[in-house]
Amino acid sequence: MSEAAAAPEKQGSVWEDCLEVLWAPATVFDRSRARGVGMYLLVLTAILAVIIVATKGLLQPYVDANYDMQVIQMAKQTQKPMPAEAVAAGRTAAGYIFLVFAALTPVLSGLLGGLANWGGAKILRVPLTLGRGVFIATLASVPRVLSFLSTAVQGAVLDTSNVTSLFSASLGPARFVDPATTSPAVLGLLASIDVFAVWTIVITAVGVSVVTKTSRSSGWLVSVVAWALVVLLSLVPAALA
């Protein structure tokens, strides 16, 4: 009598997957390869919304500095300074806009990253569907959630009186350049290679490899191409400015 086949690994909860993907992405993607993406988007968005609301005061100096930098750049282009009342009102509005779009990071990263994953897979002839591409990109956005916690921690322990933009909290080369004198395209490129972006690339590479049952090298190639596509797309507005 043949030995009974080993029981399949127990499927983790959405919450467990969102945590474990940070250190064991292969395990998470293997056991959840057939799951839908909807609950992951909902849970990650809810988690990030709570984090942002809870740490708003710590994030605010970076948000305000980023807005002030944009006002200064606009004044240089138009040669016409904005009235103080308009600056104050705009700073308040920018804060709320930041809260909304920041909370939607998992959704935006999942959709845009999913398209990029699918496009990269098409270019390299890796059998990845658009739906699985979005699923991989959504789980790979978890490090981006941590990036907001990183900024909040820096806001709590560092002197924020001299921050110049959101890039002042970057854990990458963008932290060390002056946004007032650096080309927006160069600044955007530097911002795309911080610790959390690299972490996202790693998770994506593993996810593509596991979900499509291809080699790790194929996963890495798709991940890097997808990252390049997103970076190029994000640099278009800066290049046209």
C-alpha atoms as a PDB file:
ATOM      1  CA  MET A   1       0.000   0.000   0.000  1.00  0.00           C
ATOM      2  CA  SER A   2       1.485   3.341  -1.077  1.00  0.00           C
ATOM      3  CA  GLU A   3       2.251   5.986   1.498  1.00  0.00           C
ATOM      4  CA  ALA A   4      -0.475   8.613   1.824  1.00  0.00           C
ATOM      5  CA  ALA A   5       0.291  11.899   0.153  1.00  0.00           C
ATOM      6  CA  ALA A   6       1.226  14.730   2.472  1.00  0.00           C
ATOM      7  CA  ALA A   7      -1.630  17.062   3.304  1.00  0.00           C
ATOM      8  CA  PRO A   8      -1.476  20.405   1.509  1.00  0.00           C
ATOM      9  CA  GLU A   9      -0.216  23.360   3.513  1.00  0.00           C
ATOM     10  CA  LYS A  10      -2.926  25.202   5.413  1.00  0.00           C
ATOM     11  CA  GLN A  11      -3.944  28.408   3.695  1.00  0.00           C
ATOM     12  CA  GLY A  12      -3.140  31.493   5.752  1.00  0.00           C
ATOM     13  CA  SER A  13      -5.513  34.343   6.431  1.00  0.00           C
ATOM     14  CA  VAL A  14      -5.276  37.581   4.472  1.00  0.00           C
ATOM     15  CA  TRP A  15      -3.775  39.263   7.527  1.00  0.00           C
ATOM     16  CA  GLU A  16      -1.156  36.523   7.926  1.00  0.00           C
ATOM     17  CA  ASP A  17      -0.263  36.708   4.235  1.00  0.00           C
ATOM     18  CA  CYS A  18       0.189  40.494   4.424  1.00  0.00           C
ATOM     19  CA  LEU A  19       2.664  40.080   7.273  1.00  0.00           C
ATOM     20  CA  GLU A  20       4.480  36.929   6.179  1.00  0.00           C
ATOM     21  CA  VAL A  21       5.062  38.142   2.625  1.00  0.00           C
ATOM     22  CA  LEU A  22       7.695  40.474   4.093  1.00  0.00           C
ATOM     23  CA  TRP A  23      10.025  37.618   5.079  1.00  0.00           C
ATOM     24  CA  ALA A  24       8.654  34.481   3.354  1.00  0.00           C
ATOM     25  CA  PRO A  25       7.107  35.589   0.049  1.00  0.00           C
ATOM     26  CA  ALA A  26       7.602  32.195  -1.628  1.00  0.00           C
ATOM     27  CA  THR A  27       5.522  30.467   1.042  1.00  0.00           C
ATOM     28  CA  VAL A  28       2.755  33.060   0.836  1.00  0.00           C
ATOM     29  CA  PHE A  29       2.484  33.024  -2.952  1.00  0.00           C
ATOM     30  CA  ASP A  30       2.601  29.233  -3.069  1.00  0.00           C
ATOM     31  CA  ARG A  31      -0.327  28.772  -0.693  1.00  0.00           C
ATOM     32  CA  SER A  32      -2.403  31.686  -2.009  1.00  0.00           C
ATOM     33  CA  ARG A  33      -1.753  31.497  -5.752  1.00  0.00           C
ATOM     34  CA  ALA A  34      -5.474  30.967  -6.494  1.00  0.00           C
ATOM     35  CA  ARG A  35      -6.924  33.555  -4.103  1.00  0.00           C
ATOM     36  CA  GLY A  36      -8.646  36.724  -5.255  1.00  0.00           C
ATOM     37  CA  VAL A  37      -7.077  40.125  -4.729  1.00  0.00           C
ATOM     38  CA  GLY A  38     -10.096  42.015  -3.391  1.00  0.00           C
ATOM     39  CA  MET A  39      -9.687  41.256   0.330  1.00  0.00           C
ATOM     40  CA  TYR A  40      -5.968  42.021   0.191  1.00  0.00           C
ATOM     41  CA  LEU A  41      -6.680  45.445  -1.297  1.00  0.00           C
ATOM     42  CA  LEU A  42      -9.332  46.107   1.338  1.00  0.00           C
ATOM     43  CA  VAL A  43      -7.225  44.988   4.301  1.00  0.00           C
ATOM     44  CA  LEU A  44      -4.065  46.806   3.211  1.00  0.00           C
ATOM     45  CA  THR A  45      -5.985  50.014   2.477  1.00  0.00           C
ATOM     46  CA  ALA A  46      -7.686  49.847   5.875  1.00  0.00           C
ATOM     47  CA  ILE A  47      -4.381  49.231   7.658  1.00  0.00           C
ATOM     48  CA  LEU A  48      -2.673  52.097   5.864  1.00  0.00           C
ATOM     49  CA  ALA A  49      -5.595  54.465   6.499  1.00  0.00           C
ATOM     50  CA  VAL A  50      -5.380  53.736  10.237  1.00  0.00           C
ATOM     51  CA  ILE A  51      -1.602  54.262  10.222  1.00  0.00           C
ATOM     52  CA  ILE A  52      -1.874  57.567   8.375  1.00  0.00           C
ATOM     53  CA  VAL A  53      -4.652  58.943  10.562  1.00  0.00           C
ATOM     54  CA  ALA A  54      -2.863  57.834  13.746  1.00  0.00           C
ATOM     55  CA  THR A  55       0.473  59.353  12.698  1.00  0.00           C
ATOM     56  CA  LYS A  56      -0.808  62.422  10.833  1.00  0.00           C
ATOM     57  CA  GLY A  57       0.904  64.802  13.226  1.00  0.00           C
ATOM     58  CA  LEU A  58       4.264  63.103  12.667  1.00  0.00           C
ATOM     59  CA  LEU A  59       3.846  63.023   8.881  1.00  0.00           C
ATOM     60  CA  GLN A  60       2.631  66.627   8.641  1.00  0.00           C
ATOM     61  CA  PRO A  61       6.052  68.359   8.675  1.00  0.00           C
ATOM     62  CA  TYR A  62       7.095  66.366   5.612  1.00  0.00           C
ATOM     63  CA  VAL A  63       3.802  67.006   3.828  1.00  0.00           C
ATOM     64  CA  ASP A  64       3.956  70.742   4.574  1.00  0.00           C
ATOM     65  CA  ALA A  65       7.590  70.970   3.458  1.00  0.00           C
ATOM     66  CA  ASN A  66       6.750  69.175   0.228  1.00  0.00           C
ATOM     67  CA  TYR A  67       3.931  71.618  -0.475  1.00  0.00           C
ATOM     68  CA  ASP A  68       6.113  74.630   0.331  1.00  0.00           C
ATOM     69  CA  MET A  69       8.775  73.335  -2.061  1.00  0.00           C
ATOM     70  CA  GLN A  70       6.176  73.082  -4.836  1.00  0.00           C
ATOM     71  CA  VAL A  71       4.966  76.635  -4.114  1.00  0.00           C
ATOM     72  CA  ILE A  72       8.549  77.950  -4.350  1.00  0.00           C
ATOM     73  CA  GLN A  73       9.130  76.141  -7.637  1.00  0.00           C
ATOM     74  CA  MET A  74       5.855  77.453  -9.045  1.00  0.00           C
ATOM     75  CA  ALA A  75       6.777  81.004  -8.018  1.00  0.00           C
ATOM     76  CA  LYS A  76      10.101  80.666  -9.844  1.00  0.00           C
ATOM     77  CA  GLN A  77       8.332  79.578 -13.013  1.00  0.00           C
ATOM     78  CA  THR A  78       5.617  82.237 -12.944  1.00  0.00           C
ATOM     79  CA  GLN A  79       7.754  84.995 -11.408  1.00  0.00           C
ATOM     80  CA  LYS A  80       4.769  85.775  -9.219  1.00  0.00           C
ATOM     81  CA  PRO A  81       4.693  84.802  -5.523  1.00  0.00           C
ATOM     82  CA  MET A  82       1.489  83.282  -4.146  1.00  0.00           C
ATOM     83  CA  PRO A  83      -0.351  85.350  -1.482  1.00  0.00           C
ATOM     84  CA  ALA A  84       0.198  84.131   2.078  1.00  0.00           C
ATOM     85  CA  GLU A  85      -3.510  83.363   2.535  1.00  0.00           C
ATOM     86  CA  ALA A  86      -3.522  81.202  -0.566  1.00  0.00           C
ATOM     87  CA  VAL A  87      -0.387  79.381   0.601  1.00  0.00           C
ATOM     88  CA  ALA A  88      -1.978  78.585   3.968  1.00  0.00           C
ATOM     89  CA  ALA A  89      -5.214  77.383   2.374  1.00  0.00           C
ATOM     90  CA  GLY A  90      -3.317  75.338  -0.165  1.00  0.00           C
ATOM     91  CA  ARG A  91      -1.200  73.733   2.547  1.00  0.00           C
ATOM     92  CA  THR A  92      -4.334  72.581   4.358  1.00  0.00           C
ATOM     93  CA  ALA A  93      -5.887  71.223   1.163  1.00  0.00           C
ATOM     94  CA  ALA A  94      -2.627  69.483   0.229  1.00  0.00           C
ATOM     95  CA  GLY A  95      -2.620  67.750   3.602  1.00  0.00           C
ATOM     96  CA  TYR A  96      -6.058  66.258   3.038  1.00  0.00           C
ATOM     97  CA  ILE A  97      -5.246  65.279  -0.540  1.00  0.00           C
ATOM     98  CA  PHE A  98      -2.112  63.544   0.719  1.00  0.00           C
ATOM     99  CA  LEU A  99      -4.152  61.582   3.286  1.00  0.00           C
ATOM    100  CA  VAL A 100      -6.576  60.323   0.642  1.00  0.00           C
ATOM    101  CA  PHE A 101      -4.027  59.334  -1.981  1.00  0.00           C
ATOM    102  CA  ALA A 102      -1.613  57.882   0.577  1.00  0.00           C
ATOM    103  CA  ALA A 103      -4.361  55.632   1.947  1.00  0.00           C
ATOM    104  CA  LEU A 104      -5.021  54.424  -1.596  1.00  0.00           C
ATOM    105  CA  THR A 105      -1.382  53.394  -2.089  1.00  0.00           C
ATOM    106  CA  PRO A 106      -2.168  49.634  -2.070  1.00  0.00           C
ATOM    107  CA  VAL A 107      -4.908  50.115  -4.678  1.00  0.00           C
ATOM    108  CA  LEU A 108      -2.826  52.352  -6.935  1.00  0.00           C
ATOM    109  CA  SER A 109       0.305  50.208  -6.517  1.00  0.00           C
ATOM    110  CA  GLY A 110      -1.693  47.042  -7.112  1.00  0.00           C
ATOM    111  CA  LEU A 111      -3.320  48.258 -10.313  1.00  0.00           C
ATOM    112  CA  LEU A 112      -0.368  50.125 -11.817  1.00  0.00           C
ATOM    113  CA  GLY A 113       2.139  47.537 -10.625  1.00  0.00           C
ATOM    114  CA  GLY A 114      -0.096  44.752 -11.900  1.00  0.00           C
ATOM    115  CA  LEU A 115      -0.180  46.283 -15.356  1.00  0.00           C
ATOM    116  CA  ALA A 116       3.595  46.665 -15.253  1.00  0.00           C
ATOM    117  CA  ASN A 117       4.050  43.056 -14.110  1.00  0.00           C
ATOM    118  CA  TRP A 118       1.801  41.848 -16.907  1.00  0.00           C
ATOM    119  CA  GLY A 119       3.603  44.037 -19.447  1.00  0.00           C
ATOM    120  CA  GLY A 120       7.013  42.856 -18.273  1.00  0.00           C
ATOM    121  CA  ALA A 121       5.853  39.242 -18.453  1.00  0.00           C
ATOM    122  CA  LYS A 122       4.547  39.781 -21.976  1.00  0.00           C
ATOM    123  CA  ILE A 123       7.856  41.277 -23.081  1.00  0.00           C
ATOM    124  CA  LEU A 124       9.783  38.340 -21.615  1.00  0.00           C
ATOM    125  CA  ARG A 125       7.176  35.718 -22.622  1.00  0.00           C
ATOM    126  CA  VAL A 126       6.451  34.614 -19.070  1.00  0.00           C
ATOM    127  CA  PRO A 127       2.901  33.175 -18.672  1.00  0.00           C
ATOM    128  CA  LEU A 128       1.499  35.720 -16.196  1.00  0.00           C
ATOM    129  CA  THR A 129      -2.123  36.852 -16.453  1.00  0.00           C
ATOM    130  CA  LEU A 130      -3.167  40.420 -15.664  1.00  0.00           C
ATOM    131  CA  GLY A 131      -5.180  39.268 -12.649  1.00  0.00           C
ATOM    132  CA  ARG A 132      -2.218  37.424 -11.118  1.00  0.00           C
ATOM    133  CA  GLY A 133      -0.020  40.397 -11.948  1.00  0.00           C
ATOM    134  CA  VAL A 134      -2.294  42.655  -9.889  1.00  0.00           C
ATOM    135  CA  PHE A 135      -2.348  40.077  -7.082  1.00  0.00           C
ATOM    136  CA  ILE A 136       1.458  39.971  -6.957  1.00  0.00           C
ATOM    137  CA  ALA A 137       1.759  43.765  -7.094  1.00  0.00           C
ATOM    138  CA  THR A 138      -0.776  44.156  -4.276  1.00  0.00           C
ATOM    139  CA  LEU A 139       1.135  41.875  -1.897  1.00  0.00           C
ATOM    140  CA  ALA A 140       4.394  43.466  -3.041  1.00  0.00           C
ATOM    141  CA  SER A 141       3.033  46.856  -1.921  1.00  0.00           C
ATOM    142  CA  VAL A 142       3.270  45.871   1.761  1.00  0.00           C
ATOM    143  CA  PRO A 143       6.759  47.454   2.102  1.00  0.00           C
ATOM    144  CA  ARG A 144       5.208  50.718   0.900  1.00  0.00           C
ATOM    145  CA  VAL A 145       2.882  50.553   3.892  1.00  0.00           C
ATOM    146  CA  LEU A 146       5.958  50.253   6.094  1.00  0.00           C
ATOM    147  CA  SER A 147       7.472  53.307   4.408  1.00  0.00           C
ATOM    148  CA  PHE A 148       4.780  55.479   5.995  1.00  0.00           C
ATOM    149  CA  LEU A 149       5.621  54.032   9.399  1.00  0.00           C
ATOM    150  CA  SER A 150       9.278  54.807   8.696  1.00  0.00           C
ATOM    151  CA  THR A 151       8.432  58.437   7.944  1.00  0.00           C
ATOM    152  CA  ALA A 152       6.305  58.688  11.096  1.00  0.00           C
ATOM    153  CA  VAL A 153       9.122  57.272  13.238  1.00  0.00           C
ATOM    154  CA  GLN A 154      11.533  59.800  11.757  1.00  0.00           C
ATOM    155  CA  GLY A 155       9.030  62.545  12.466  1.00  0.00           C
ATOM    156  CA  ALA A 156       8.957  61.429  16.092  1.00  0.00           C
ATOM    157  CA  VAL A 157      12.706  61.083  16.750  1.00  0.00           C
ATOM    158  CA  LEU A 158      14.370  63.547  14.353  1.00  0.00           C
ATOM    159  CA  ASP A 159      14.411  67.331  14.117  1.00  0.00           C
ATOM    160  CA  THR A 160      11.898  68.132  11.368  1.00  0.00           C
ATOM    161  CA  SER A 161      12.464  71.884  11.368  1.00  0.00           C
ATOM    162  CA  ASN A 162      14.784  71.673   8.375  1.00  0.00           C
ATOM    163  CA  VAL A 163      13.050  69.071   6.180  1.00  0.00           C
ATOM    164  CA  THR A 164      12.635  70.183   2.586  1.00  0.00           C
ATOM    165  CA  SER A 165      10.188  67.649   1.134  1.00  0.00           C
ATOM    166  CA  LEU A 166       8.828  64.133   1.508  1.00  0.00           C
ATOM    167  CA  PHE A 167      12.156  62.959   0.106  1.00  0.00           C
ATOM    168  CA  SER A 168      13.802  64.068   3.365  1.00  0.00           C
ATOM    169  CA  ALA A 169      12.402  60.876   4.908  1.00  0.00           C
ATOM    170  CA  SER A 170      13.559  58.618   2.083  1.00  0.00           C
ATOM    171  CA  LEU A 171      15.792  55.671   2.988  1.00  0.00           C
ATOM    172  CA  GLY A 172      17.642  56.028  -0.273  1.00  0.00           C
ATOM    173  CA  PRO A 173      19.750  58.461  -2.319  1.00  0.00           C
ATOM    174  CA  ALA A 174      16.899  60.964  -2.730  1.00  0.00           C
ATOM    175  CA  ARG A 175      17.361  61.839   0.941  1.00  0.00           C
ATOM    176  CA  PHE A 176      20.760  63.380   0.260  1.00  0.00           C
ATOM    177  CA  VAL A 177      19.950  65.745  -2.622  1.00  0.00           C
ATOM    178  CA  ASP A 178      18.401  69.192  -2.588  1.00  0.00           C
ATOM    179  CA  PRO A 179      14.973  69.031  -4.287  1.00  0.00           C
ATOM    180  CA  ALA A 180      15.158  72.763  -5.020  1.00  0.00           C
ATOM    181  CA  THR A 181      18.205  72.352  -7.265  1.00  0.00           C
ATOM    182  CA  THR A 182      17.772  68.777  -8.514  1.00  0.00           C
ATOM    183  CA  SER A 183      15.908  67.964 -11.701  1.00  0.00           C
ATOM    184  CA  PRO A 184      12.452  66.465 -10.960  1.00  0.00           C
ATOM    185  CA  ALA A 185      13.283  63.567 -13.290  1.00  0.00           C
ATOM    186  CA  VAL A 186      16.526  62.809 -11.434  1.00  0.00           C
ATOM    187  CA  LEU A 187      14.770  63.192  -8.085  1.00  0.00           C
ATOM    188  CA  GLY A 188      12.027  60.798  -9.162  1.00  0.00           C
ATOM    189  CA  LEU A 189      14.596  58.240 -10.319  1.00  0.00           C
ATOM    190  CA  LEU A 190      16.520  58.462  -7.049  1.00  0.00           C
ATOM    191  CA  ALA A 191      13.294  58.106  -5.065  1.00  0.00           C
ATOM    192  CA  SER A 192      12.498  54.876  -6.911  1.00  0.00           C
ATOM    193  CA  ILE A 193      15.536  53.036  -5.535  1.00  0.00           C
ATOM    194  CA  ASP A 194      15.055  53.342  -1.787  1.00  0.00           C
ATOM    195  CA  VAL A 195      14.949  50.428   0.672  1.00  0.00           C
ATOM    196  CA  PHE A 196      11.211  49.876   0.332  1.00  0.00           C
ATOM    197  CA  ALA A 197      11.279  49.997  -3.475  1.00  0.00           C
ATOM    198  CA  VAL A 198      14.023  47.354  -3.543  1.00  0.00           C
ATOM    199  CA  TRP A 199      12.017  45.246  -1.082  1.00  0.00           C
ATOM    200  CA  THR A 200       9.030  45.508  -3.416  1.00  0.00           C
ATOM    201  CA  ILE A 201      11.157  44.365  -6.364  1.00  0.00           C
ATOM    202  CA  VAL A 202      12.333  41.311  -4.410  1.00  0.00           C
ATOM    203  CA  ILE A 203       8.793  40.281  -3.401  1.00  0.00           C
ATOM    204  CA  THR A 204       7.593  40.787  -6.976  1.00  0.00           C
ATOM    205  CA  ALA A 205      10.400  38.633  -8.370  1.00  0.00           C
ATOM    206  CA  VAL A 206       9.575  35.791  -5.989  1.00  0.00           C
ATOM    207  CA  GLY A 207       5.845  36.166  -6.657  1.00  0.00           C
ATOM    208  CA  VAL A 208       6.216  35.987 -10.428  1.00  0.00           C
ATOM    209  CA  SER A 209       8.475  32.944 -10.153  1.00  0.00           C
ATOM    210  CA  VAL A 210       6.153  31.047  -7.801  1.00  0.00           C
ATOM    211  CA  VAL A 211       2.825  31.953  -9.428  1.00  0.00           C
ATOM    212  CA  THR A 212       4.000  31.198 -12.976  1.00  0.00           C
ATOM    213  CA  LYS A 213       6.134  28.208 -11.889  1.00  0.00           C
ATOM    214  CA  THR A 214       9.164  29.568 -13.684  1.00  0.00           C
ATOM    215  CA  SER A 215      12.757  30.068 -12.596  1.00  0.00           C
ATOM    216  CA  ARG A 216      13.823  32.724 -10.110  1.00  0.00           C
ATOM    217  CA  SER A 217      15.871  34.371 -12.850  1.00  0.00           C
ATOM    218  CA  SER A 218      12.708  34.804 -14.945  1.00  0.00           C
ATOM    219  CA  GLY A 219      10.960  36.287 -11.922  1.00  0.00           C
ATOM    220  CA  TRP A 220      13.802  38.738 -11.398  1.00  0.00           C
ATOM    221  CA  LEU A 221      13.793  39.786 -15.043  1.00  0.00           C
ATOM    222  CA  VAL A 222      10.034  40.421 -15.037  1.00  0.00           C
ATOM    223  CA  SER A 223      10.272  42.308 -11.741  1.00  0.00           C
ATOM    224  CA  VAL A 224      13.071  44.583 -12.924  1.00  0.00           C
ATOM    225  CA  VAL A 225      11.355  45.271 -16.256  1.00  0.00           C
ATOM    226  CA  ALA A 226       8.096  46.047 -14.423  1.00  0.00           C
ATOM    227  CA  TRP A 227       9.955  48.402 -12.068  1.00  0.00           C
ATOM    228  CA  ALA A 228      11.552  50.152 -15.052  1.00  0.00           C
ATOM    229  CA  LEU A 229       8.161  50.562 -16.748  1.00  0.00           C
ATOM    230  CA  VAL A 230       6.664  52.165 -13.636  1.00  0.00           C
ATOM    231  CA  VAL A 231       9.662  54.463 -13.217  1.00  0.00           C
ATOM    232  CA  LEU A 232       9.542  55.551 -16.861  1.00  0.00           C
ATOM    233  CA  LEU A 233       5.819  56.249 -16.581  1.00  0.00           C
ATOM    234  CA  SER A 234       6.311  58.282 -13.405  1.00  0.00           C
ATOM    235  CA  LEU A 235       9.096  60.319 -15.017  1.00  0.00           C
ATOM    236  CA  VAL A 236       7.040  61.397 -18.039  1.00  0.00           C
ATOM    237  CA  PRO A 237       5.315  64.348 -16.257  1.00  0.00           C
ATOM    238  CA  ALA A 238       8.653  65.497 -14.825  1.00  0.00           C
ATOM    239  CA  ALA A 239      10.323  65.294 -18.225  1.00  0.00           C
ATOM    240  CA  LEU A 240       7.544  67.320 -19.833  1.00  0.00           C
ATOM    241  CA  ALA A 241       7.530  69.977 -17.106  1.00  0.00           C
END
